[in-house]
Amino acid sequence: MRLKIISIIILTLICAACSREISPPVAGIQPDTLQVFDSVLVDNYAWLKDKTHSNPEILDYVTAENTYTEEMMLPNKKLQNDIYFEMINRLIDDEESVPVKINGYYYYTRIEKGKQYTIYCRKKGSLDAEEEIYLDVNQLARKYAFCSLYSRAVSPDHRYLAYGIDTSGAEIFELRIKDLQKTGEYLPDTISGVNDLVWANDNSTLFYVLQDNAGRTYQAYRHKLGTDISTDELIYSDDDERFWVWIGKSRSREYIILGSESKTTSECLFLNTDDPTGNFTMIEPRKNGILYYPLFNENNLFIVTNENAPNKKVMKTTLEKHDRRFWQEFIPANDSIKIEADCQKNHLIITERSKGLKNIKILNLTTKQSHYISFTEPVYNVFHWLSTEFDSPILRYSYESLTTPYTVYDYDMDIGIKKLMQQDSIPGGYDPLAYKAERIFAESRDGKQIPISILYKKGEFKKDGTTPLYLTGYGAYGDSNDPYFSSARLSLLDRGVTYAVAHIRGGSEMGEY
C-alpha cells in the first residue's frame, strides 16, 4: 500500500510539472580551446568558471537555473518543508565533549545554541573547578566573513596556545600565539602558511610546518618565542612534490616526530622534547614503496610498516638500534587482516580490519596476554583515541552504528570493563529498536564478496526488489566508507525507504589487497 501511495505521489508531481510546460534554461556555448601537444581541447562552457562575478550572463544563467528548480519542485513544497523541519528538530542545540585530562588540566569543547563556532574550555585540577574559556572562536570570527582553525597546541606548562587561523577560505593558516596567563594577550610571533604545531618541553620552542604555493607541506622550522620569524631555523625540507611533511608528538610526549610521506613511501625522524635545540635523528631513510611509522614505548620502539606486508605488520627494536637492520617481527602480517597500531605504556592497541569490519585487540606488554573489545552489532564503526595520560590503562574510544548514535566509552584495558562517558541524544525521541541494520554481501564480476551495510525500519522492508532504496558508496585512495549514525536518515526510513552503503573496492575496508 505504501509503495502504491509513493508511486501515485511521484506520478502526480511529474504530471503537474509537465502540465505547466516548464522548460529548463540552456547555457550558451562559447568555445574555449587549449592546445596540448598535438591535441586541441575544446570547452564550450569555460565562461561559467569566472569567479569575479563580473559577467552578468553567468548571474542571469544561475538565477534561471534556481528559478527552474523552484518551479519544478513547487508541487512537493510541503513535503520539503516537513522533511526539513523534521531534520532540524532532531539536531542538538548545545553540545559538550567529554573532558580529556592533560597534566592536571581537563580540556573540553562546547557548542552553544545560536552560535556557529566552537568554544574551547578547561578546568585546573578538578572537574569541579572554575571553568576557563581559553578560546572562543565565535569572538574571533566576528570581524571575518569566514573563520577556520587548525592545529591547536597548548604548551606543556599550559601557558601558551598556538593555533593556525584561516579567514579567507583558501586553507592558508596564519600562526597565532596566545598567552593564557595574561588575559589573552597575543604574542607578535605570526607567520602565514603554517600547518602542524608542536611545543618542546622548554615551553618557548615551537616547531611548525610550512606550505608551498600549491598547498603542499614541505618544510619544518624551529621557532623561539620572542625572536623574529625570519630567523627561524629550517630543520627539514622536501622538494619532492609527491611528499608532504608533517610533525607531531609521541603518545608518551617524550619525543617530537618529524616525517615526510607520499602515498607509497615514508621516512621519520625524532627528537627528545627535553632537547629543543638538538638535531633530529633519522629512524630509517626512505625506501621506495615502503611506508612506516614509529610508536615510542620507553626504550622500546615499535614500527608499523608495509614492507613485504601490504596489510602491514609490527616490528620491534630499541631507540639505540632504530635502523631497519635491527627490526624484529613482533606481530606478523596477515593477508586477510589489515592492521594499524598505537600504544600506551603497558599496552599495544591493534585495530584490525577483517571482512570489512573493525576490531580492537589489546595486547598487555607486561603479561603478553591479549583480548578483543566486544562489539555485538552486525554493522558499526569504532575509533580509539588514547588517554593523554601515557601511564593510564584507560583507552577512550568512540562507537556508533547505523542504529546507535555517537557514543564515547572509557575502557579499562587491564580488567576489560567499559564505562559509558557520553552518548548523543536525539531531540524529539528516537527508538533504536524500531530500526534494523544488516550486513550482506554482493558478488562482483570476479567473484569477490563486497560488503553492503543496510538499514531499514522494521516491518517496512521486503526483500523482493520492490522496496524504495537509497544506495550510496565511495571507493578511492584507500579511504574506507565506514557506517555511521545520522538522524537525518530517519525521515527516509520512516517513509519506507531503505538506506544502504556499498563498501566498494578502492576503499580499504577489505584490506590493501
Protein backbone atom coordinates (compact mmCIF):
# COMPACT_ATOMS: atom_id res chain seq x y z
CA MET A 1 0.00 0.00 0.00
CA ARG A 2 2.81 2.42 0.94
CA LEU A 3 4.56 1.77 -2.39
CA LYS A 4 1.36 2.48 -4.30
CA ILE A 5 0.93 5.75 -2.43
CA ILE A 6 4.54 6.79 -3.15
CA SER A 7 4.14 5.89 -6.82
CA ILE A 8 0.93 7.91 -7.07
CA ILE A 9 2.65 10.92 -5.44
CA ILE A 10 5.62 10.73 -7.84
CA LEU A 11 3.34 10.42 -10.89
CA THR A 12 1.27 13.33 -9.64
CA LEU A 13 4.35 15.51 -9.25
CA ILE A 14 5.63 14.60 -12.72
CA CYS A 15 2.25 15.25 -14.35
CA ALA A 16 1.88 18.55 -12.51
CA ALA A 17 5.29 19.69 -13.73
CA CYS A 18 4.64 18.54 -17.28
CA SER A 19 1.23 20.26 -17.43
CA ARG A 20 2.89 23.59 -16.70
CA GLU A 21 5.35 23.05 -19.58
CA ILE A 22 8.36 24.27 -17.64
CA SER A 23 11.43 24.46 -19.85
CA PRO A 24 14.93 24.23 -18.37
CA PRO A 25 17.37 27.07 -19.11
CA VAL A 26 20.05 26.35 -21.70
CA ALA A 27 23.60 27.54 -21.14
CA GLY A 28 25.13 29.37 -24.09
CA ILE A 29 28.03 27.80 -25.95
CA GLN A 30 31.22 29.88 -26.02
CA PRO A 31 34.04 27.57 -27.18
CA ASP A 32 37.36 27.88 -25.40
CA THR A 33 40.31 25.94 -26.85
CA LEU A 34 43.54 24.69 -25.33
CA GLN A 35 46.43 23.20 -27.33
CA VAL A 36 48.09 20.27 -25.51
CA PHE A 37 50.87 18.78 -27.64
CA ASP A 38 49.09 17.52 -30.77
CA SER A 39 45.59 17.69 -29.30
CA VAL A 40 43.13 20.57 -29.20
CA LEU A 41 40.81 20.53 -26.19
CA VAL A 42 37.51 22.39 -26.51
CA ASP A 43 35.46 23.54 -23.52
CA ASN A 44 32.13 25.06 -24.57
CA TYR A 45 31.32 26.22 -21.04
CA ALA A 46 34.62 27.59 -19.74
CA TRP A 47 32.97 31.00 -19.49
CA LEU A 48 30.98 29.75 -16.48
CA LYS A 49 34.21 29.45 -14.46
CA ASP A 50 34.54 33.19 -13.97
CA LYS A 51 34.56 33.74 -10.18
CA THR A 52 34.80 37.53 -10.27
CA HIS A 53 31.01 37.90 -10.72
CA SER A 54 31.76 40.50 -13.39
CA ASN A 55 29.96 38.62 -16.16
CA PRO A 56 26.19 39.34 -15.97
CA GLU A 57 25.48 36.35 -18.26
CA ILE A 58 26.66 33.98 -15.51
CA LEU A 59 24.45 35.55 -12.88
CA ASP A 60 21.47 35.51 -15.26
CA TYR A 61 22.03 31.82 -16.01
CA VAL A 62 22.42 30.84 -12.34
CA THR A 63 19.26 32.78 -11.49
CA ALA A 64 17.40 30.99 -14.29
CA GLU A 65 18.59 27.58 -13.01
CA ASN A 66 17.44 28.39 -9.47
CA THR A 67 14.07 29.60 -10.73
CA TYR A 68 13.62 26.44 -12.81
CA THR A 69 14.46 24.26 -9.79
CA GLU A 70 11.97 26.09 -7.57
CA GLU A 71 9.20 25.75 -10.16
CA MET A 72 9.86 22.05 -10.74
CA MET A 73 9.88 21.33 -7.00
CA LEU A 74 6.88 23.53 -6.18
CA PRO A 75 4.29 20.69 -6.16
CA ASN A 76 6.08 18.96 -3.25
CA LYS A 77 6.91 22.11 -1.31
CA LYS A 78 5.05 20.89 1.76
CA LEU A 79 6.96 17.62 1.75
CA GLN A 80 10.24 19.52 1.51
CA ASN A 81 9.28 21.69 4.48
CA ASP A 82 8.09 18.71 6.51
CA ILE A 83 11.35 16.82 5.99
CA TYR A 84 13.46 19.92 6.59
CA PHE A 85 11.84 20.66 9.95
CA GLU A 86 11.98 17.00 10.95
CA MET A 87 15.73 17.03 10.40
CA ILE A 88 16.25 20.38 12.13
CA ASN A 89 14.21 19.34 15.16
CA ARG A 90 16.45 16.28 15.66
CA LEU A 91 19.63 18.35 15.93
CA ILE A 92 21.26 19.04 19.29
CA ASP A 93 21.38 22.75 20.13
CA ASP A 94 24.04 22.51 22.84
CA GLU A 95 26.91 20.06 22.79
CA GLU A 96 29.87 19.47 25.10
CA SER A 97 32.72 16.99 24.65
CA VAL A 98 34.00 14.53 27.25
CA PRO A 99 36.88 16.22 29.14
CA VAL A 100 40.42 14.99 28.43
CA LYS A 101 42.97 15.15 31.25
CA ILE A 102 46.38 16.57 30.33
CA ASN A 103 48.90 17.00 33.15
CA GLY A 104 46.42 18.20 35.75
CA TYR A 105 44.12 20.14 33.41
CA TYR A 106 40.81 18.94 31.97
CA TYR A 107 40.27 20.15 28.40
CA TYR A 108 36.94 20.06 26.59
CA THR A 109 34.92 21.88 23.92
CA ARG A 110 31.40 23.26 23.80
CA ILE A 111 28.98 24.42 21.11
CA GLU A 112 26.15 26.66 22.33
CA LYS A 113 22.73 27.23 20.83
CA GLY A 114 22.69 30.01 18.27
CA LYS A 115 26.48 30.10 17.95
CA GLN A 116 28.29 28.84 14.88
CA TYR A 117 31.73 28.09 16.26
CA THR A 118 33.40 26.01 18.96
CA ILE A 119 34.25 27.27 22.45
CA TYR A 120 37.43 25.77 23.93
CA CYS A 121 37.41 25.33 27.72
CA ARG A 122 39.48 23.85 30.54
CA LYS A 123 39.47 23.32 34.28
CA LYS A 124 42.51 23.05 36.52
CA GLY A 125 42.91 20.15 38.92
CA SER A 126 39.29 19.00 39.08
CA LEU A 127 36.12 18.89 37.05
CA ASP A 128 34.53 20.83 39.90
CA ALA A 129 36.98 23.72 39.41
CA GLU A 130 36.03 27.02 37.81
CA GLU A 131 35.77 26.92 34.02
CA GLU A 132 38.26 28.86 31.93
CA ILE A 133 37.33 29.66 28.33
CA TYR A 134 40.75 29.86 26.75
CA LEU A 135 39.50 30.36 23.18
CA ASP A 136 36.07 31.34 21.88
CA VAL A 137 36.09 31.09 18.11
CA ASN A 138 32.76 32.93 17.97
CA GLN A 139 34.55 36.05 19.20
CA LEU A 140 37.45 35.53 16.78
CA ALA A 141 35.04 35.20 13.85
CA ARG A 142 33.08 38.40 14.48
CA LYS A 143 35.16 40.52 12.14
CA TYR A 144 35.54 37.92 9.40
CA ALA A 145 33.18 36.54 6.76
CA PHE A 146 34.94 33.18 7.16
CA CYS A 147 36.89 31.63 10.03
CA SER A 148 38.54 28.23 10.44
CA LEU A 149 41.10 26.94 12.96
CA TYR A 150 43.75 24.26 12.51
CA SER A 151 46.39 22.54 14.67
CA ARG A 152 45.80 23.87 18.16
CA ALA A 153 48.72 23.21 20.52
CA VAL A 154 48.95 24.14 24.23
CA SER A 155 52.45 24.43 25.70
CA PRO A 156 53.41 21.77 28.31
CA ASP A 157 53.08 24.34 31.15
CA HIS A 158 49.59 25.26 29.85
CA ARG A 159 50.55 28.92 29.43
CA TYR A 160 50.64 29.38 25.66
CA LEU A 161 48.14 28.40 23.00
CA ALA A 162 49.40 28.21 19.41
CA TYR A 163 46.99 27.76 16.53
CA GLY A 164 46.54 28.44 12.84
CA ILE A 165 43.64 30.56 11.63
CA ASP A 166 42.26 30.88 8.09
CA THR A 167 39.98 33.86 7.39
CA SER A 168 39.84 33.60 3.60
CA GLY A 169 38.66 30.03 2.96
CA ALA A 170 41.83 29.28 0.99
CA GLU A 171 43.15 26.92 3.72
CA ILE A 172 46.16 29.16 4.30
CA PHE A 173 46.56 29.34 8.08
CA GLU A 174 48.30 32.12 9.98
CA LEU A 175 50.14 31.28 13.20
CA ARG A 176 48.88 32.98 16.33
CA ILE A 177 50.19 32.50 19.88
CA LYS A 178 48.02 33.47 22.84
CA ASP A 179 49.35 34.00 26.36
CA LEU A 180 46.68 32.37 28.52
CA GLN A 181 48.12 33.80 31.74
CA LYS A 182 47.96 37.43 30.64
CA THR A 183 44.26 37.94 29.96
CA GLY A 184 44.51 36.56 26.46
CA GLU A 185 47.38 38.74 25.24
CA TYR A 186 48.76 37.73 21.84
CA LEU A 187 52.46 37.49 21.07
CA PRO A 188 53.81 39.24 17.95
CA ASP A 189 55.06 35.89 16.58
CA THR A 190 52.97 35.34 13.42
CA ILE A 191 53.58 33.65 10.08
CA SER A 192 51.35 32.67 7.16
CA GLY A 193 51.06 29.18 5.70
CA VAL A 194 51.62 27.11 8.87
CA ASN A 195 50.27 23.62 9.45
CA ASP A 196 51.35 21.27 12.24
CA LEU A 197 52.41 22.91 15.52
CA VAL A 198 54.38 21.17 18.31
CA TRP A 199 55.89 22.52 21.54
CA ALA A 200 59.16 21.41 23.11
CA ASN A 201 59.27 20.92 26.88
CA ASP A 202 61.01 24.27 27.49
CA ASN A 203 57.63 25.94 26.72
CA SER A 204 59.33 28.50 24.49
CA THR A 205 60.36 26.47 21.43
CA LEU A 206 57.72 25.81 18.81
CA PHE A 207 58.16 23.57 15.77
CA TYR A 208 55.94 24.14 12.75
CA VAL A 209 55.47 23.06 9.13
CA LEU A 210 55.04 25.42 6.17
CA GLN A 211 53.06 25.05 2.94
CA ASP A 212 54.34 25.86 -0.54
CA ASN A 213 52.31 27.77 -3.14
CA ALA A 214 50.49 24.58 -4.13
CA GLY A 215 49.36 23.95 -0.54
CA ARG A 216 51.82 21.07 -0.02
CA THR A 217 53.57 20.97 3.36
CA TYR A 218 57.25 20.84 2.51
CA GLN A 219 59.39 22.47 5.22
CA ALA A 220 59.73 22.21 9.02
CA TYR A 221 61.08 25.04 11.17
CA ARG A 222 62.16 25.68 14.75
CA HIS A 223 60.97 28.94 16.37
CA LYS A 224 61.95 30.52 19.69
CA LEU A 225 59.31 32.73 21.30
CA GLY A 226 60.16 36.41 21.12
CA THR A 227 62.52 36.09 18.16
CA ASP A 228 61.92 37.31 14.63
CA ILE A 229 60.22 34.69 12.45
CA SER A 230 62.73 35.46 9.68
CA THR A 231 65.49 33.97 11.86
CA ASP A 232 63.71 30.64 12.39
CA GLU A 233 65.87 27.60 11.71
CA LEU A 234 64.95 25.38 8.78
CA ILE A 235 65.34 21.84 10.11
CA TYR A 236 63.88 19.80 7.24
CA SER A 237 62.85 20.37 3.64
CA ASP A 238 61.45 18.06 0.97
CA ASP A 239 61.48 19.25 -2.64
CA ASP A 240 59.87 16.07 -3.99
CA GLU A 241 56.32 17.13 -4.91
CA ARG A 242 54.99 13.63 -4.20
CA PHE A 243 55.70 14.03 -0.48
CA TRP A 244 54.14 16.07 2.31
CA VAL A 245 55.96 16.92 5.56
CA TRP A 246 54.33 16.57 8.99
CA ILE A 247 55.34 16.90 12.63
CA GLY A 248 53.79 15.58 15.84
CA LYS A 249 54.48 14.11 19.28
CA SER A 250 54.72 10.56 20.55
CA ARG A 251 51.94 9.33 22.88
CA SER A 252 54.41 9.48 25.75
CA ARG A 253 55.13 13.14 24.86
CA GLU A 254 58.83 12.32 25.21
CA TYR A 255 59.62 12.68 21.53
CA ILE A 256 58.84 15.00 18.64
CA ILE A 257 58.35 13.04 15.42
CA LEU A 258 59.10 14.60 12.05
CA GLY A 259 58.07 12.79 8.90
CA SER A 260 57.73 13.03 5.15
CA GLU A 261 55.30 10.79 3.32
CA SER A 262 53.82 10.04 -0.07
CA LYS A 263 51.06 7.55 -0.83
CA THR A 264 53.63 4.77 -1.05
CA THR A 265 56.81 5.83 0.77
CA SER A 266 57.78 7.47 4.06
CA GLU A 267 60.63 8.34 6.42
CA CYS A 268 60.61 9.54 10.05
CA LEU A 269 62.97 11.37 12.39
CA PHE A 270 62.73 12.02 16.14
CA LEU A 271 63.98 14.42 18.82
CA ASN A 272 63.69 14.30 22.61
CA THR A 273 61.26 17.02 23.74
CA ASP A 274 63.70 17.96 26.53
CA ASP A 275 66.32 18.84 23.88
CA PRO A 276 64.65 21.61 21.83
CA THR A 277 67.87 22.80 20.16
CA GLY A 278 69.11 19.30 19.33
CA ASN A 279 69.35 17.56 15.98
CA PHE A 280 66.67 15.17 14.76
CA THR A 281 67.69 11.51 14.38
CA MET A 282 66.62 9.60 11.28
CA ILE A 283 64.98 6.26 12.09
CA GLU A 284 65.34 4.88 8.58
CA PRO A 285 65.79 6.78 5.30
CA ARG A 286 63.01 6.40 2.74
CA LYS A 287 62.97 3.39 0.52
CA ASN A 288 60.66 3.43 -2.48
CA GLY A 289 57.43 1.58 -1.80
CA ILE A 290 57.97 1.26 1.97
CA LEU A 291 55.69 3.04 4.46
CA TYR A 292 56.38 3.02 8.20
CA TYR A 293 55.64 4.96 11.36
CA PRO A 294 57.10 4.63 14.88
CA LEU A 295 55.49 4.02 18.28
CA PHE A 296 57.67 5.05 21.23
CA ASN A 297 57.40 2.99 24.41
CA GLU A 298 60.13 3.98 26.89
CA ASN A 299 63.31 2.44 25.39
CA ASN A 300 61.34 0.23 23.03
CA LEU A 301 60.41 1.25 19.52
CA PHE A 302 57.53 -0.42 17.68
CA ILE A 303 57.45 0.08 13.91
CA VAL A 304 54.26 -0.36 11.87
CA THR A 305 55.27 -0.99 8.26
CA ASN A 306 54.04 -2.38 4.96
CA GLU A 307 57.42 -3.82 3.95
CA ASN A 308 56.60 -7.19 2.36
CA ALA A 309 53.25 -6.81 4.12
CA PRO A 310 50.56 -4.84 2.20
CA ASN A 311 48.16 -5.19 5.17
CA LYS A 312 51.02 -4.09 7.48
CA LYS A 313 52.87 -5.74 10.34
CA VAL A 314 54.50 -4.58 13.58
CA MET A 315 58.26 -4.74 14.15
CA LYS A 316 60.13 -4.11 17.40
CA THR A 317 63.55 -2.69 18.25
CA THR A 318 65.15 -0.21 20.67
CA LEU A 319 65.89 3.51 20.39
CA GLU A 320 69.62 2.83 20.24
CA LYS A 321 69.19 0.29 17.42
CA HIS A 322 66.46 2.07 15.48
CA ASP A 323 67.51 1.40 11.87
CA ARG A 324 65.93 -1.32 9.75
CA ARG A 325 68.63 -3.97 10.15
CA PHE A 326 67.72 -4.34 13.84
CA TRP A 327 63.95 -4.59 13.37
CA GLN A 328 62.46 -7.86 14.65
CA GLU A 329 58.99 -9.11 13.76
CA PHE A 330 56.56 -8.64 16.65
CA ILE A 331 53.12 -9.01 15.00
CA PRO A 332 53.24 -10.81 11.63
CA ALA A 333 51.36 -9.78 8.51
CA ASN A 334 48.06 -11.38 7.58
CA ASP A 335 46.67 -11.37 4.05
CA SER A 336 43.07 -11.20 5.31
CA ILE A 337 43.53 -8.73 8.21
CA LYS A 338 44.71 -5.14 7.81
CA ILE A 339 46.22 -3.65 10.97
CA GLU A 340 47.07 -0.30 12.50
CA ALA A 341 48.62 0.08 15.95
CA ASP A 342 49.13 2.52 18.78
CA CYS A 343 50.47 2.20 22.30
CA GLN A 344 50.40 3.32 25.89
CA LYS A 345 52.99 2.44 28.49
CA ASN A 346 51.77 -1.10 29.22
CA HIS A 347 49.56 -1.85 26.24
CA LEU A 348 49.70 -2.14 22.49
CA ILE A 349 46.38 -1.33 20.80
CA ILE A 350 45.88 -3.00 17.42
CA THR A 351 42.99 -2.02 15.16
CA GLU A 352 42.20 -4.89 12.81
CA ARG A 353 40.07 -4.76 9.67
CA SER A 354 38.64 -8.11 8.74
CA LYS A 355 35.85 -8.70 6.21
CA GLY A 356 35.02 -5.02 6.22
CA LEU A 357 34.65 -4.55 9.99
CA LYS A 358 36.98 -3.08 12.62
CA ASN A 359 38.04 -4.90 15.76
CA ILE A 360 40.27 -3.61 18.56
CA LYS A 361 42.79 -6.02 20.05
CA ILE A 362 44.52 -5.18 23.34
CA LEU A 363 47.97 -6.65 24.00
CA ASN A 364 49.32 -6.31 27.55
CA LEU A 365 53.06 -5.73 27.11
CA THR A 366 53.78 -6.93 30.64
CA THR A 367 51.77 -10.16 30.77
CA LYS A 368 51.88 -10.80 26.98
CA GLN A 369 48.15 -11.66 27.18
CA SER A 370 45.71 -10.27 24.60
CA HIS A 371 41.96 -9.87 24.19
CA TYR A 372 39.41 -8.12 21.96
CA ILE A 373 36.91 -5.44 22.92
CA SER A 374 33.44 -6.87 22.34
CA PHE A 375 31.14 -5.30 19.74
CA THR A 376 27.82 -7.07 19.24
CA GLU A 377 26.09 -5.23 16.38
CA PRO A 378 26.45 -6.58 12.82
CA VAL A 379 27.29 -3.13 11.40
CA TYR A 380 29.25 -0.48 13.31
CA ASN A 381 32.24 1.85 13.35
CA VAL A 382 34.76 2.32 16.16
CA PHE A 383 37.64 4.73 16.58
CA HIS A 384 40.02 4.85 19.53
CA TRP A 385 41.81 7.90 20.88
CA LEU A 386 44.23 7.14 23.66
CA SER A 387 44.18 8.70 27.10
CA THR A 388 46.65 11.57 27.16
CA GLU A 389 48.00 10.12 30.40
CA PHE A 390 50.54 7.71 28.91
CA ASP A 391 50.75 5.53 32.05
CA SER A 392 46.98 5.05 32.23
CA PRO A 393 45.33 1.70 31.41
CA ILE A 394 42.28 3.59 30.14
CA LEU A 395 41.55 3.55 26.43
CA ARG A 396 38.96 6.06 25.23
CA TYR A 397 37.07 5.12 22.11
CA SER A 398 34.04 6.28 20.16
CA TYR A 399 31.44 3.89 18.83
CA GLU A 400 28.45 4.29 16.54
CA SER A 401 26.40 2.21 14.17
CA LEU A 402 23.57 2.72 11.72
CA THR A 403 21.19 2.45 14.70
CA THR A 404 23.36 3.62 17.64
CA PRO A 405 24.15 7.35 17.98
CA TYR A 406 27.74 8.52 18.51
CA THR A 407 28.90 7.17 21.89
CA VAL A 408 32.10 7.60 23.92
CA TYR A 409 33.45 4.92 26.25
CA ASP A 410 36.39 4.65 28.63
CA TYR A 411 37.74 1.10 28.56
CA ASP A 412 40.00 -0.33 31.28
CA MET A 413 42.45 -2.46 29.34
CA ASP A 414 43.62 -4.32 32.47
CA ILE A 415 40.24 -5.61 33.63
CA GLY A 416 38.26 -5.43 30.37
CA ILE A 417 35.43 -3.21 31.61
CA LYS A 418 34.00 -0.27 29.68
CA LYS A 419 32.33 2.82 31.11
CA LEU A 420 29.81 4.91 29.18
CA MET A 421 31.01 8.52 29.16
CA GLN A 422 28.63 10.17 26.71
CA GLN A 423 26.07 9.43 24.01
CA ASP A 424 24.44 11.85 21.59
CA SER A 425 20.79 12.39 22.34
CA ILE A 426 18.17 12.77 19.60
CA PRO A 427 15.67 15.53 20.41
CA GLY A 428 12.08 14.56 19.82
CA GLY A 429 12.71 10.96 20.77
CA TYR A 430 14.38 8.06 19.00
CA ASP A 431 13.78 4.34 19.45
CA PRO A 432 16.69 2.30 18.03
CA LEU A 433 14.62 -0.87 18.38
CA ALA A 434 12.28 0.41 15.67
CA TYR A 435 15.05 0.01 13.07
CA LYS A 436 17.26 -2.83 11.96
CA ALA A 437 20.72 -2.93 10.39
CA GLU A 438 22.18 -5.83 8.45
CA ARG A 439 25.31 -6.63 6.55
CA ILE A 440 25.01 -8.53 3.30
CA PHE A 441 27.47 -9.36 0.52
CA ALA A 442 27.22 -8.91 -3.21
CA GLU A 443 29.30 -10.99 -5.59
CA SER A 444 31.29 -8.92 -8.06
CA ARG A 445 32.15 -9.96 -11.60
CA ASP A 446 35.43 -11.53 -10.49
CA GLY A 447 33.77 -13.49 -7.69
CA LYS A 448 34.85 -11.26 -4.78
CA GLN A 449 32.34 -10.71 -1.99
CA ILE A 450 31.64 -6.98 -1.44
CA PRO A 451 30.02 -6.00 1.89
CA ILE A 452 26.93 -3.81 1.94
CA SER A 453 25.51 -2.25 5.11
CA ILE A 454 21.74 -1.80 5.02
CA LEU A 455 19.31 -0.04 7.36
CA TYR A 456 15.52 -0.05 7.37
CA LYS A 457 12.51 0.39 9.60
CA LYS A 458 11.19 -2.87 10.92
CA GLY A 459 8.10 -4.04 9.07
CA GLU A 460 8.82 -1.82 6.06
CA PHE A 461 11.46 -3.85 4.22
CA LYS A 462 10.57 -6.57 1.72
CA LYS A 463 13.44 -8.40 0.07
CA ASP A 464 11.60 -8.77 -3.23
CA GLY A 465 13.02 -5.83 -5.19
CA THR A 466 10.03 -3.55 -4.61
CA THR A 467 11.18 -1.52 -1.61
CA PRO A 468 12.44 2.04 -2.36
CA LEU A 469 16.21 2.13 -1.81
CA TYR A 470 18.79 4.87 -1.31
CA LEU A 471 22.18 3.36 -2.18
CA THR A 472 25.47 5.19 -1.70
CA GLY A 473 29.13 4.25 -1.84
CA TYR A 474 32.67 5.54 -2.16
CA GLY A 475 35.91 3.81 -3.01
CA ALA A 476 39.14 5.69 -3.69
CA TYR A 477 42.57 6.48 -2.23
CA GLY A 478 42.19 3.66 0.31
CA ASP A 479 39.66 5.72 2.29
CA SER A 480 37.09 3.49 3.96
CA ASN A 481 33.41 4.43 3.91
CA ASP A 482 32.51 3.13 7.37
CA PRO A 483 28.87 3.07 8.55
CA TYR A 484 27.84 5.87 10.90
CA PHE A 485 24.70 7.17 12.57
CA SER A 486 22.70 10.05 11.10
CA SER A 487 19.40 11.31 12.47
CA ALA A 488 18.66 12.84 9.05
CA ARG A 489 18.09 9.34 7.63
CA LEU A 490 15.12 8.77 9.92
CA SER A 491 12.90 10.88 7.66
CA LEU A 492 13.62 8.44 4.81
CA LEU A 493 13.34 5.30 6.92
CA ASP A 494 10.00 6.38 8.41
CA ARG A 495 8.64 6.78 4.87
CA GLY A 496 9.55 3.22 3.93
CA VAL A 497 12.88 3.88 2.20
CA THR A 498 15.81 1.53 2.85
CA TYR A 499 19.29 3.02 3.25
CA ALA A 500 22.37 1.14 2.03
CA VAL A 501 26.14 1.69 1.89
CA ALA A 502 28.14 -0.41 -0.56
CA HIS A 503 31.71 -0.77 0.69
CA ILE A 504 33.16 -0.94 -2.78
CA ARG A 505 36.79 -1.56 -3.62
CA GLY A 506 39.07 1.43 -3.81
CA GLY A 507 38.49 1.93 -0.11
CA SER A 508 40.38 -0.32 2.30
CA GLU A 509 37.53 -2.00 4.20
CA MET A 510 38.71 -5.38 2.96
CA GLY A 511 42.43 -4.61 3.26
CA GLU A 512 45.05 -3.46 0.78
CA TYR A 513 44.55 -6.48 -1.47
